[in-house]
Amino acid sequence: MPGVHWSRRSSKEDPRETISFQGSERRLGDLEKACFELHASLSHRVSRLEGDVQKKCLQGTAFRAEHERASLKADVYNARRSFKSLETHYQEIRRLLNNREMC
């Protein structure tokens, strides 16, 4: 946990461990120590899970981006095919018009 430091200092009179939190020190009882350790463990697990979620989101984003790229590539291919088809029709119409004018 950031800002929290454990120290193993204890005396015969008071065997509890000391915690230093944001510059102040105090002795911990067993229950307090267990709570701090649980909090630290949960904080660590949450940050790991957040990292995993972020990584999965980035992978998902990369997948979506790749899917969109493939979709756009297909659209470009279809547009080129349509253009070639239109161009062929245009040339055929021009040829027919030229033949008609010659008659």
PDB file of N, CA and C in Angstrom:
ATOM      1  N   MET A   1       0.840  -1.167   0.000  1.00  0.00           N
ATOM      2  CA  MET A   1       0.000   0.000   0.000  1.00  0.00           C
ATOM      3  C   MET A   1       0.885   1.230   0.000  1.00  0.00           C
ATOM      4  N   PRO A   2       0.669   2.183  -0.862  1.00  0.00           N
ATOM      5  CA  PRO A   2       1.524   3.362  -0.888  1.00  0.00           C
ATOM      6  C   PRO A   2       1.382   4.179   0.393  1.00  0.00           C
ATOM      7  N   GLY A   3       2.499   4.641   0.900  1.00  0.00           N
ATOM      8  CA  GLY A   3       2.486   5.474   2.102  1.00  0.00           C
ATOM      9  C   GLY A   3       2.429   4.689   3.399  1.00  0.00           C
ATOM     10  N   VAL A   4       2.305   3.366   3.321  1.00  0.00           N
ATOM     11  CA  VAL A   4       2.242   2.535   4.528  1.00  0.00           C
ATOM     12  C   VAL A   4       3.504   1.697   4.596  1.00  0.00           C
ATOM     13  N   HIS A   5       4.153   1.708   5.732  1.00  0.00           N
ATOM     14  CA  HIS A   5       5.388   0.945   5.904  1.00  0.00           C
ATOM     15  C   HIS A   5       5.316   0.158   7.199  1.00  0.00           C
ATOM     16  N   TRP A   6       5.660  -1.116   7.100  1.00  0.00           N
ATOM     17  CA  TRP A   6       5.699  -1.946   8.293  1.00  0.00           C
ATOM     18  C   TRP A   6       7.094  -1.882   8.889  1.00  0.00           C
ATOM     19  N   SER A   7       7.142  -1.944  10.192  1.00  0.00           N
ATOM     20  CA  SER A   7       8.450  -2.136  10.824  1.00  0.00           C
ATOM     21  C   SER A   7       8.268  -3.217  11.876  1.00  0.00           C
ATOM     22  N   ARG A   8       9.314  -3.964  12.115  1.00  0.00           N
ATOM     23  CA  ARG A   8       9.233  -5.087  13.048  1.00  0.00           C
ATOM     24  C   ARG A   8       9.711  -4.688  14.446  1.00  0.00           C
ATOM     25  N   ARG A   9       9.724  -3.401  14.709  1.00  0.00           N
ATOM     26  CA  ARG A   9      10.178  -2.966  16.027  1.00  0.00           C
ATOM     27  C   ARG A   9       9.129  -3.312  17.071  1.00  0.00           C
ATOM     28  N   SER A  10       9.559  -3.956  18.091  1.00  0.00           N
ATOM     29  CA  SER A  10       8.672  -4.235  19.214  1.00  0.00           C
ATOM     30  C   SER A  10       9.530  -4.335  20.467  1.00  0.00           C
ATOM     31  N   SER A  11       8.892  -4.159  21.581  1.00  0.00           N
ATOM     32  CA  SER A  11       9.635  -4.259  22.842  1.00  0.00           C
ATOM     33  C   SER A  11       9.002  -5.376  23.671  1.00  0.00           C
ATOM     34  N   LYS A  12       9.660  -5.734  24.759  1.00  0.00           N
ATOM     35  CA  LYS A  12       9.116  -6.779  25.625  1.00  0.00           C
ATOM     36  C   LYS A  12       7.791  -6.328  26.227  1.00  0.00           C
ATOM     37  N   GLU A  13       7.681  -5.026  26.505  1.00  0.00           N
ATOM     38  CA  GLU A  13       6.452  -4.515  27.109  1.00  0.00           C
ATOM     39  C   GLU A  13       5.299  -4.498  26.101  1.00  0.00           C
ATOM     40  N   ASP A  14       5.632  -4.211  24.849  1.00  0.00           N
ATOM     41  CA  ASP A  14       4.599  -4.092  23.817  1.00  0.00           C
ATOM     42  C   ASP A  14       5.086  -4.806  22.558  1.00  0.00           C
ATOM     43  N   PRO A  15       4.758  -6.105  22.407  1.00  0.00           N
ATOM     44  CA  PRO A  15       5.282  -6.879  21.282  1.00  0.00           C
ATOM     45  C   PRO A  15       4.578  -6.609  19.946  1.00  0.00           C
ATOM     46  N   ARG A  16       3.607  -5.703  19.933  1.00  0.00           N
ATOM     47  CA  ARG A  16       2.904  -5.425  18.673  1.00  0.00           C
ATOM     48  C   ARG A  16       3.834  -4.736  17.680  1.00  0.00           C
ATOM     49  N   GLU A  17       3.539  -4.925  16.413  1.00  0.00           N
ATOM     50  CA  GLU A  17       4.335  -4.289  15.367  1.00  0.00           C
ATOM     51  C   GLU A  17       3.922  -2.832  15.225  1.00  0.00           C
ATOM     52  N   THR A  18       4.827  -2.066  14.622  1.00  0.00           N
ATOM     53  CA  THR A  18       4.571  -0.646  14.406  1.00  0.00           C
ATOM     54  C   THR A  18       4.259  -0.422  12.936  1.00  0.00           C
ATOM     55  N   ILE A  19       3.323   0.466  12.668  1.00  0.00           N
ATOM     56  CA  ILE A  19       3.034   0.846  11.290  1.00  0.00           C
ATOM     57  C   ILE A  19       3.315   2.328  11.142  1.00  0.00           C
ATOM     58  N   SER A  20       3.909   2.671  10.018  1.00  0.00           N
ATOM     59  CA  SER A  20       4.145   4.071   9.704  1.00  0.00           C
ATOM     60  C   SER A  20       3.206   4.422   8.562  1.00  0.00           C
ATOM     61  N   PHE A  21       2.304   5.367   8.800  1.00  0.00           N
ATOM     62  CA  PHE A  21       1.318   5.750   7.796  1.00  0.00           C
ATOM     63  C   PHE A  21       1.331   7.254   7.642  1.00  0.00           C
ATOM     64  N   GLN A  22       1.710   7.716   6.455  1.00  0.00           N
ATOM     65  CA  GLN A  22       1.783   9.135   6.139  1.00  0.00           C
ATOM     66  C   GLN A  22       2.547   9.921   7.209  1.00  0.00           C
ATOM     67  N   GLY A  23       3.683   9.370   7.598  1.00  0.00           N
ATOM     68  CA  GLY A  23       4.581  10.083   8.496  1.00  0.00           C
ATOM     69  C   GLY A  23       4.345   9.856   9.977  1.00  0.00           C
ATOM     70  N   SER A  24       3.226   9.283  10.393  1.00  0.00           N
ATOM     71  CA  SER A  24       3.017   9.041  11.822  1.00  0.00           C
ATOM     72  C   SER A  24       3.102   7.543  12.101  1.00  0.00           C
ATOM     73  N   GLU A  25       3.646   7.213  13.257  1.00  0.00           N
ATOM     74  CA  GLU A  25       3.812   5.810  13.621  1.00  0.00           C
ATOM     75  C   GLU A  25       2.850   5.449  14.734  1.00  0.00           C
ATOM     76  N   ARG A  26       2.378   4.219  14.695  1.00  0.00           N
ATOM     77  CA  ARG A  26       1.571   3.743  15.807  1.00  0.00           C
ATOM     78  C   ARG A  26       1.647   2.227  15.874  1.00  0.00           C
ATOM     79  N   ARG A  27       1.323   1.707  17.034  1.00  0.00           N
ATOM     80  CA  ARG A  27       1.343   0.262  17.237  1.00  0.00           C
ATOM     81  C   ARG A  27       0.028  -0.339  16.748  1.00  0.00           C
ATOM     82  N   LEU A  28       0.133  -1.522  16.234  1.00  0.00           N
ATOM     83  CA  LEU A  28      -1.057  -2.194  15.726  1.00  0.00           C
ATOM     84  C   LEU A  28      -1.416  -3.392  16.584  1.00  0.00           C
ATOM     85  N   GLY A  29      -2.712  -3.551  16.784  1.00  0.00           N
ATOM     86  CA  GLY A  29      -3.196  -4.788  17.383  1.00  0.00           C
ATOM     87  C   GLY A  29      -3.337  -5.832  16.287  1.00  0.00           C
ATOM     88  N   ASP A  30      -3.590  -7.062  16.672  1.00  0.00           N
ATOM     89  CA  ASP A  30      -3.688  -8.150  15.696  1.00  0.00           C
ATOM     90  C   ASP A  30      -4.806  -7.913  14.683  1.00  0.00           C
ATOM     91  N   LEU A  31      -5.953  -7.428  15.137  1.00  0.00           N
ATOM     92  CA  LEU A  31      -7.068  -7.196  14.232  1.00  0.00           C
ATOM     93  C   LEU A  31      -6.751  -6.070  13.249  1.00  0.00           C
ATOM     94  N   GLU A  32      -6.149  -4.985  13.750  1.00  0.00           N
ATOM     95  CA  GLU A  32      -5.768  -3.874  12.865  1.00  0.00           C
ATOM     96  C   GLU A  32      -4.750  -4.332  11.826  1.00  0.00           C
ATOM     97  N   LYS A  33      -3.789  -5.125  12.284  1.00  0.00           N
ATOM     98  CA  LYS A  33      -2.766  -5.619  11.364  1.00  0.00           C
ATOM     99  C   LYS A  33      -3.412  -6.488  10.287  1.00  0.00           C
ATOM    100  N   ALA A  34      -4.328  -7.353  10.684  1.00  0.00           N
ATOM    101  CA  ALA A  34      -5.015  -8.212   9.715  1.00  0.00           C
ATOM    102  C   ALA A  34      -5.797  -7.365   8.713  1.00  0.00           C
ATOM    103  N   CYS A  35      -6.445  -6.293   9.190  1.00  0.00           N
ATOM    104  CA  CYS A  35      -7.197  -5.405   8.292  1.00  0.00           C
ATOM    105  C   CYS A  35      -6.269  -4.716   7.294  1.00  0.00           C
ATOM    106  N   PHE A  36      -5.139  -4.206   7.773  1.00  0.00           N
ATOM    107  CA  PHE A  36      -4.188  -3.552   6.877  1.00  0.00           C
ATOM    108  C   PHE A  36      -3.632  -4.541   5.854  1.00  0.00           C
ATOM    109  N   GLU A  37      -3.314  -5.749   6.299  1.00  0.00           N
ATOM    110  CA  GLU A  37      -2.786  -6.755   5.372  1.00  0.00           C
ATOM    111  C   GLU A  37      -3.837  -7.147   4.335  1.00  0.00           C
ATOM    112  N   LEU A  38      -5.100  -7.295   4.779  1.00  0.00           N
ATOM    113  CA  LEU A  38      -6.178  -7.619   3.853  1.00  0.00           C
ATOM    114  C   LEU A  38      -6.371  -6.495   2.840  1.00  0.00           C
ATOM    115  N   HIS A  39      -6.343  -5.258   3.333  1.00  0.00           N
ATOM    116  CA  HIS A  39      -6.497  -4.104   2.444  1.00  0.00           C
ATOM    117  C   HIS A  39      -5.376  -4.064   1.411  1.00  0.00           C
ATOM    118  N   ALA A  40      -4.151  -4.287   1.864  1.00  0.00           N
ATOM    119  CA  ALA A  40      -3.005  -4.277   0.948  1.00  0.00           C
ATOM    120  C   ALA A  40      -3.141  -5.395  -0.086  1.00  0.00           C
ATOM    121  N   SER A  41      -3.560  -6.575   0.365  1.00  0.00           N
ATOM    122  CA  SER A  41      -3.731  -7.702  -0.548  1.00  0.00           C
ATOM    123  C   SER A  41      -4.829  -7.421  -1.568  1.00  0.00           C
ATOM    124  N   LEU A  42      -5.955  -6.876  -1.100  1.00  0.00           N
ATOM    125  CA  LEU A  42      -7.056  -6.555  -2.008  1.00  0.00           C
ATOM    126  C   LEU A  42      -6.661  -5.456  -2.988  1.00  0.00           C
ATOM    127  N   SER A  43      -5.940  -4.447  -2.508  1.00  0.00           N
ATOM    128  CA  SER A  43      -5.486  -3.367  -3.394  1.00  0.00           C
ATOM    129  C   SER A  43      -4.609  -3.925  -4.506  1.00  0.00           C
ATOM    130  N   HIS A  44      -3.724  -4.842  -4.134  1.00  0.00           N
ATOM    131  CA  HIS A  44      -2.836  -5.455  -5.120  1.00  0.00           C
ATOM    132  C   HIS A  44      -3.646  -6.262  -6.136  1.00  0.00           C
ATOM    133  N   ARG A  45      -4.599  -7.050  -5.653  1.00  0.00           N
ATOM    134  CA  ARG A  45      -5.424  -7.863  -6.556  1.00  0.00           C
ATOM    135  C   ARG A  45      -6.272  -6.992  -7.470  1.00  0.00           C
ATOM    136  N   VAL A  46      -6.832  -5.904  -6.922  1.00  0.00           N
ATOM    137  CA  VAL A  46      -7.651  -5.004  -7.738  1.00  0.00           C
ATOM    138  C   VAL A  46      -6.810  -4.373  -8.839  1.00  0.00           C
ATOM    139  N   SER A  47      -5.603  -3.905  -8.502  1.00  0.00           N
ATOM    140  CA  SER A  47      -4.770  -3.278  -9.536  1.00  0.00           C
ATOM    141  C   SER A  47      -4.353  -4.306 -10.591  1.00  0.00           C
ATOM    142  N   ARG A  48      -4.119  -5.563 -10.188  1.00  0.00           N
ATOM    143  CA  ARG A  48      -3.814  -6.610 -11.173  1.00  0.00           C
ATOM    144  C   ARG A  48      -5.010  -6.858 -12.082  1.00  0.00           C
ATOM    145  N   LEU A  49      -6.210  -6.919 -11.482  1.00  0.00           N
ATOM    146  CA  LEU A  49      -7.419  -7.132 -12.284  1.00  0.00           C
ATOM    147  C   LEU A  49      -7.661  -5.964 -13.230  1.00  0.00           C
ATOM    148  N   GLU A  50      -7.435  -4.740 -12.740  1.00  0.00           N
ATOM    149  CA  GLU A  50      -7.594  -3.568 -13.608  1.00  0.00           C
ATOM    150  C   GLU A  50      -6.640  -3.650 -14.789  1.00  0.00           C
ATOM    151  N   GLY A  51      -5.408  -4.086 -14.532  1.00  0.00           N
ATOM    152  CA  GLY A  51      -4.436  -4.263 -15.609  1.00  0.00           C
ATOM    153  C   GLY A  51      -4.895  -5.318 -16.601  1.00  0.00           C
ATOM    154  N   ASP A  52      -5.438  -6.437 -16.067  1.00  0.00           N
ATOM    155  CA  ASP A  52      -5.948  -7.492 -16.950  1.00  0.00           C
ATOM    156  C   ASP A  52      -7.103  -6.987 -17.795  1.00  0.00           C
ATOM    157  N   VAL A  53      -8.018  -6.238 -17.167  1.00  0.00           N
ATOM    158  CA  VAL A  53      -9.171  -5.704 -17.891  1.00  0.00           C
ATOM    159  C   VAL A  53      -8.706  -4.742 -18.976  1.00  0.00           C
ATOM    160  N   GLN A  54      -7.752  -3.870 -18.629  1.00  0.00           N
ATOM    161  CA  GLN A  54      -7.239  -2.915 -19.611  1.00  0.00           C
ATOM    162  C   GLN A  54      -6.592  -3.647 -20.787  1.00  0.00           C
ATOM    163  N   LYS A  55      -5.823  -4.698 -20.474  1.00  0.00           N
ATOM    164  CA  LYS A  55      -5.170  -5.473 -21.535  1.00  0.00           C
ATOM    165  C   LYS A  55      -6.220  -6.134 -22.429  1.00  0.00           C
ATOM    166  N   LYS A  56      -7.261  -6.709 -21.810  1.00  0.00           N
ATOM    167  CA  LYS A  56      -8.329  -7.343 -22.597  1.00  0.00           C
ATOM    168  C   LYS A  56      -9.043  -6.308 -23.458  1.00  0.00           C
ATOM    169  N   CYS A  57      -9.277  -5.113 -22.900  1.00  0.00           N
ATOM    170  CA  CYS A  57      -9.930  -4.051 -23.674  1.00  0.00           C
ATOM    171  C   CYS A  57      -9.072  -3.658 -24.868  1.00  0.00           C
ATOM    172  N   LEU A  58      -7.772  -3.533 -24.650  1.00  0.00           N
ATOM    173  CA  LEU A  58      -6.878  -3.178 -25.749  1.00  0.00           C
ATOM    174  C   LEU A  58      -6.868  -4.268 -26.810  1.00  0.00           C
ATOM    175  N   GLN A  59      -6.881  -5.533 -26.358  1.00  0.00           N
ATOM    176  CA  GLN A  59      -6.940  -6.625 -27.322  1.00  0.00           C
ATOM    177  C   GLN A  59      -8.256  -6.575 -28.079  1.00  0.00           C
ATOM    178  N   GLY A  60      -9.353  -6.282 -27.353  1.00  0.00           N
ATOM    179  CA  GLY A  60     -10.657  -6.156 -27.996  1.00  0.00           C
ATOM    180  C   GLY A  60     -10.669  -5.015 -28.985  1.00  0.00           C
ATOM    181  N   THR A  61     -10.048  -3.913 -28.616  1.00  0.00           N
ATOM    182  CA  THR A  61      -9.969  -2.757 -29.508  1.00  0.00           C
ATOM    183  C   THR A  61      -9.163  -3.112 -30.752  1.00  0.00           C
ATOM    184  N   ALA A  62      -8.072  -3.816 -30.552  1.00  0.00           N
ATOM    185  CA  ALA A  62      -7.255  -4.227 -31.696  1.00  0.00           C
ATOM    186  C   ALA A  62      -8.062  -5.160 -32.599  1.00  0.00           C
ATOM    187  N   PHE A  63      -8.839  -6.054 -31.980  1.00  0.00           N
ATOM    188  CA  PHE A  63      -9.669  -6.962 -32.774  1.00  0.00           C
ATOM    189  C   PHE A  63     -10.708  -6.176 -33.558  1.00  0.00           C
ATOM    190  N   ARG A  64     -11.384  -5.224 -32.884  1.00  0.00           N
ATOM    191  CA  ARG A  64     -12.388  -4.409 -33.576  1.00  0.00           C
ATOM    192  C   ARG A  64     -11.750  -3.593 -34.689  1.00  0.00           C
ATOM    193  N   ALA A  65     -10.580  -3.038 -34.424  1.00  0.00           N
ATOM    194  CA  ALA A  65      -9.891  -2.238 -35.440  1.00  0.00           C
ATOM    195  C   ALA A  65      -9.539  -3.111 -36.643  1.00  0.00           C
ATOM    196  N   GLU A  66      -9.065  -4.323 -36.374  1.00  0.00           N
ATOM    197  CA  GLU A  66      -8.724  -5.242 -37.466  1.00  0.00           C
ATOM    198  C   GLU A  66      -9.980  -5.623 -38.243  1.00  0.00           C
ATOM    199  N   HIS A  67     -11.069  -5.850 -37.525  1.00  0.00           N
ATOM    200  CA  HIS A  67     -12.341  -6.190 -38.181  1.00  0.00           C
ATOM    201  C   HIS A  67     -12.815  -5.030 -39.059  1.00  0.00           C
ATOM    202  N   GLU A  68     -12.733  -3.808 -38.524  1.00  0.00           N
ATOM    203  CA  GLU A  68     -13.141  -2.635 -39.305  1.00  0.00           C
ATOM    204  C   GLU A  68     -12.238  -2.443 -40.526  1.00  0.00           C
ATOM    205  N   ARG A  69     -10.955  -2.680 -40.336  1.00  0.00           N
ATOM    206  CA  ARG A  69     -10.013  -2.553 -41.453  1.00  0.00           C
ATOM    207  C   ARG A  69     -10.365  -3.557 -42.553  1.00  0.00           C
ATOM    208  N   ALA A  70     -10.651  -4.786 -42.146  1.00  0.00           N
ATOM    209  CA  ALA A  70     -11.024  -5.812 -43.126  1.00  0.00           C
ATOM    210  C   ALA A  70     -12.329  -5.439 -43.820  1.00  0.00           C
ATOM    211  N   SER A  71     -13.258  -4.887 -43.052  1.00  0.00           N
ATOM    212  CA  SER A  71     -14.541  -4.469 -43.626  1.00  0.00           C
ATOM    213  C   SER A  71     -14.339  -3.337 -44.633  1.00  0.00           C
ATOM    214  N   LEU A  72     -13.514  -2.362 -44.269  1.00  0.00           N
ATOM    215  CA  LEU A  72     -13.225  -1.251 -45.187  1.00  0.00           C
ATOM    216  C   LEU A  72     -12.500  -1.746 -46.436  1.00  0.00           C
ATOM    217  N   LYS A  73     -11.592  -2.695 -46.243  1.00  0.00           N
ATOM    218  CA  LYS A  73     -10.865  -3.258 -47.378  1.00  0.00           C
ATOM    219  C   LYS A  73     -11.847  -3.935 -48.339  1.00  0.00           C
ATOM    220  N   ALA A  74     -12.821  -4.652 -47.778  1.00  0.00           N
ATOM    221  CA  ALA A  74     -13.845  -5.295 -48.614  1.00  0.00           C
ATOM    222  C   ALA A  74     -14.686  -4.243 -49.332  1.00  0.00           C
ATOM    223  N   ASP A  75     -15.023  -3.154 -48.624  1.00  0.00           N
ATOM    224  CA  ASP A  75     -15.790  -2.070 -49.255  1.00  0.00           C
ATOM    225  C   ASP A  75     -15.017  -1.455 -50.424  1.00  0.00           C
ATOM    226  N   VAL A  76     -13.722  -1.242 -50.229  1.00  0.00           N
ATOM    227  CA  VAL A  76     -12.885  -0.678 -51.296  1.00  0.00           C
ATOM    228  C   VAL A  76     -12.843  -1.640 -52.483  1.00  0.00           C
ATOM    229  N   TYR A  77     -12.668  -2.926 -52.200  1.00  0.00           N
ATOM    230  CA  TYR A  77     -12.650  -3.928 -53.273  1.00  0.00           C
ATOM    231  C   TYR A  77     -13.970  -3.907 -54.052  1.00  0.00           C
ATOM    232  N   ASN A  78     -15.096  -3.889 -53.320  1.00  0.00           N
ATOM    233  CA  ASN A  78     -16.410  -3.862 -53.981  1.00  0.00           C
ATOM    234  C   ASN A  78     -16.611  -2.581 -54.782  1.00  0.00           C
ATOM    235  N   ALA A  79     -16.148  -1.464 -54.246  1.00  0.00           N
ATOM    236  CA  ALA A  79     -16.269  -0.187 -54.965  1.00  0.00           C
ATOM    237  C   ALA A  79     -15.453  -0.225 -56.258  1.00  0.00           C
ATOM    238  N   ARG A  80     -14.250  -0.780 -56.196  1.00  0.00           N
ATOM    239  CA  ARG A  80     -13.414  -0.889 -57.406  1.00  0.00           C
ATOM    240  C   ARG A  80     -14.080  -1.791 -58.444  1.00  0.00           C
ATOM    241  N   ARG A  81     -14.650  -2.898 -57.969  1.00  0.00           N
ATOM    242  CA  ARG A  81     -15.349  -3.802 -58.889  1.00  0.00           C
ATOM    243  C   ARG A  81     -16.537  -3.108 -59.538  1.00  0.00           C
ATOM    244  N   SER A  82     -17.294  -2.375 -58.714  1.00  0.00           N
ATOM    245  CA  SER A  82     -18.445  -1.633 -59.252  1.00  0.00           C
ATOM    246  C   SER A  82     -17.989  -0.586 -60.256  1.00  0.00           C
ATOM    247  N   PHE A  83     -16.889   0.111 -59.930  1.00  0.00           N
ATOM    248  CA  PHE A  83     -16.365   1.131 -60.838  1.00  0.00           C
ATOM    249  C   PHE A  83     -15.963   0.503 -62.169  1.00  0.00           C
ATOM    250  N   LYS A  84     -15.265  -0.639 -62.103  1.00  0.00           N
ATOM    251  CA  LYS A  84     -14.857  -1.312 -63.348  1.00  0.00           C
ATOM    252  C   LYS A  84     -16.081  -1.732 -64.155  1.00  0.00           C
ATOM    253  N   SER A  85     -17.096  -2.200 -63.462  1.00  0.00           N
ATOM    254  CA  SER A  85     -18.329  -2.594 -64.148  1.00  0.00           C
ATOM    255  C   SER A  85     -18.985  -1.385 -64.803  1.00  0.00           C
ATOM    256  N   LEU A  86     -19.044  -0.266 -64.050  1.00  0.00           N
ATOM    257  CA  LEU A  86     -19.608   0.967 -64.621  1.00  0.00           C
ATOM    258  C   LEU A  86     -18.776   1.448 -65.802  1.00  0.00           C
ATOM    259  N   GLU A  87     -17.466   1.354 -65.652  1.00  0.00           N
ATOM    260  CA  GLU A  87     -16.571   1.771 -66.732  1.00  0.00           C
ATOM    261  C   GLU A  87     -16.806   0.920 -67.984  1.00  0.00           C
ATOM    262  N   THR A  88     -16.983  -0.374 -67.782  1.00  0.00           N
ATOM    263  CA  THR A  88     -17.263  -1.267 -68.910  1.00  0.00           C
ATOM    264  C   THR A  88     -18.582  -0.885 -69.578  1.00  0.00           C
ATOM    265  N   HIS A  89     -19.605  -0.630 -68.755  1.00  0.00           N
ATOM    266  CA  HIS A  89     -20.902  -0.212 -69.309  1.00  0.00           C
ATOM    267  C   HIS A  89     -20.774   1.119 -70.050  1.00  0.00           C
ATOM    268  N   TYR A  90     -20.032   2.043 -69.468  1.00  0.00           N
ATOM    269  CA  TYR A  90     -19.836   3.352 -70.097  1.00  0.00           C
ATOM    270  C   TYR A  90     -19.168   3.183 -71.465  1.00  0.00           C
ATOM    271  N   GLN A  91     -18.113   2.373 -71.505  1.00  0.00           N
ATOM    272  CA  GLN A  91     -17.416   2.147 -72.778  1.00  0.00           C
ATOM    273  C   GLN A  91     -18.335   1.478 -73.800  1.00  0.00           C
ATOM    274  N   GLU A  92     -19.176   0.554 -73.337  1.00  0.00           N
ATOM    275  CA  GLU A  92     -20.120  -0.103 -74.242  1.00  0.00           C
ATOM    276  C   GLU A  92     -21.142   0.901 -74.782  1.00  0.00           C
ATOM    277  N   ILE A  93     -21.638   1.780 -73.900  1.00  0.00           N
ATOM    278  CA  ILE A  93     -22.586   2.822 -74.331  1.00  0.00           C
ATOM    279  C   ILE A  93     -21.917   3.763 -75.327  1.00  0.00           C
ATOM    280  N   ARG A  94     -20.675   4.179 -75.033  1.00  0.00           N
ATOM    281  CA  ARG A  94     -19.937   5.064 -75.953  1.00  0.00           C
ATOM    282  C   ARG A  94     -19.753   4.380 -77.317  1.00  0.00           C
ATOM    283  N   ARG A  95     -19.425   3.111 -77.304  1.00  0.00           N
ATOM    284  CA  ARG A  95     -19.237   2.363 -78.552  1.00  0.00           C
ATOM    285  C   ARG A  95     -20.538   2.323 -79.356  1.00  0.00           C
ATOM    286  N   LEU A  96     -21.651   2.046 -78.642  1.00  0.00           N
ATOM    287  CA  LEU A  96     -22.956   2.005 -79.319  1.00  0.00           C
ATOM    288  C   LEU A  96     -23.336   3.371 -79.880  1.00  0.00           C
ATOM    289  N   LEU A  97     -23.055   4.424 -79.100  1.00  0.00           N
ATOM    290  CA  LEU A  97     -23.353   5.784 -79.578  1.00  0.00           C
ATOM    291  C   LEU A  97     -22.502   6.130 -80.794  1.00  0.00           C
ATOM    292  N   ASN A  98     -21.234   5.768 -80.745  1.00  0.00           N
ATOM    293  CA  ASN A  98     -20.345   6.020 -81.889  1.00  0.00           C
ATOM    294  C   ASN A  98     -20.829   5.261 -83.123  1.00  0.00           C
ATOM    295  N   ASN A  99     -21.230   4.022 -82.933  1.00  0.00           N
ATOM    296  CA  ASN A  99     -21.750   3.230 -84.058  1.00  0.00           C
ATOM    297  C   ASN A  99     -23.025   3.863 -84.615  1.00  0.00           C
ATOM    298  N   ARG A 100     -23.857   4.360 -83.733  1.00  0.00           N
ATOM    299  CA  ARG A 100     -25.116   4.987 -84.151  1.00  0.00           C
ATOM    300  C   ARG A 100     -24.853   6.254 -84.957  1.00  0.00           C
ATOM    301  N   GLU A 101     -23.850   7.020 -84.472  1.00  0.00           N
ATOM    302  CA  GLU A 101     -23.516   8.263 -85.181  1.00  0.00           C
ATOM    303  C   GLU A 101     -22.962   7.971 -86.576  1.00  0.00           C
ATOM    304  N   MET A 102     -22.296   6.863 -86.709  1.00  0.00           N
ATOM    305  CA  MET A 102     -21.713   6.521 -88.004  1.00  0.00           C
ATOM    306  C   MET A 102     -22.790   6.117 -89.018  1.00  0.00           C
ATOM    307  N   CYS A 103     -23.879   5.642 -88.494  1.00  0.00           N
ATOM    308  CA  CYS A 103     -24.925   5.202 -89.425  1.00  0.00           C
ATOM    309  C   CYS A 103     -25.648   6.319 -90.074  1.00  0.00           C
TER     310      CYS A 103
END
